Amino acid sequence: MMADPIDRRSLLAGAALGGVAIASTEARAQRGTAAASPEIYELRTYSLVNGPMRARLDTYLKDAFIPAARRAGCGPVGVFTVAIGPGAPAVRVLVPHPSIVDFLALPDRLAADARHTAAAATFANATPESPAYASLDVKLMRGFPHFPRVEVPDAAEGNKARIFELRTYMSHSHKAGATKIAMFDTGGEIDLFRRTGLKPVFFAQDLTGPTLPSLTYLLTFPDLATRERNWRTFGSDPAWQRLIATPGLTDPEITTGIDNQILSPTPYSQI
C-alpha cells in the first residue's frame, strides 16, 4: 500500500495551536523553506455596464496602469473577465505587491509617474455622465508562507489559450480557517493539486472582505474540458479521500462555503 503523503497529526496539531503545521518530509522537500516575505495581492474588481466602459478600462490598464505598476515594482499583473459566475460584466485585476508598504505607496508612485498621468488622462477625466466604471471593489490577500509568489503559467507567454478558476473558501472561525490553510500550505493538499493536474497560480489568506476568515486561490487550465477531467481525478484520488475523511479536517468542520468563478484572461494580461 502506498504511503500517505499527508502528515495529519502534525497538521492538526499545528492548526490547533494557530500556527503553521509541519508537512511530511516529501512535501517539505518539494516546497522548500518558507519565504520571509510573502507577496501582498491586491484583487480589484471593476464592475461595468455594457457599452464603452470595457474598451476605456482596457486602454487604461494596458497602456497606463500595468506599465506604471511594473515600473513601481509590482507585478506581473493579471487581468481577467468573468466568464462563468456572478458579477459579469466585470474585469478582475490581480496586482502582486512585494509588501504592504508597496501597496500603500502605489497611489503616490502612480501620481508621480508622468508617463502614467499622460496615458491615463482619458480614464482619469471621465465624467459623471460617462463614468470609467460602475463600481470598484478591492480585496487584499497575503500569499501562503510556502507559496509566497505568483506562479505565471507557461501559456501566458504569447497569450496562448487558457482559463482560470478563482475560488474562495470561507470558515466559521479563525481556528477553522487556519486549519484549512494548513491543509494546503504544509499538509500536502497543494502537492495533490499539482499531481492531479490542478495547476496553481497563487494561494493566499484573505486580509479584507465581507466573509472573513477566508482564503482564496487561483488555478489555471487549458480549457473547461481539462478542468472538469482534472477535478474528477483529484476528487477520486485515494490520498485526498483519506485526507478529507480525517476527523478535524472534514469540510463541515472547517469550511462554511465556497465562491467560484471561471475567468478568461485579456490579450494583454501578464498572467
Foldseek 3Di string as FASTA:
>chain_A
DDDQQFPVVQLLVQLVVVHAGAGHPVLCVVLDAFDPFFWKKKKKKFQADPDCLVVLVVQLVQQAVCVLLVVLPKDPKFKWAFDDAPRPRIIIIIIIDRHVVSVVCVVVSSVPDPSNCVSCVVQVPADPVGHNGDDMDIWMWAFDRSFRAFDQDPCLVVVAAKKKKKKKWAWDDSSLLSSVSNCCRRRCPVVLCVVLVFAWGTKTATPDDDRPRMIMTMTMDNDDVSVVRSVVSSVPDPSNVVQCPDPPNHCVNRTDDMGMTMIGTDNSRND
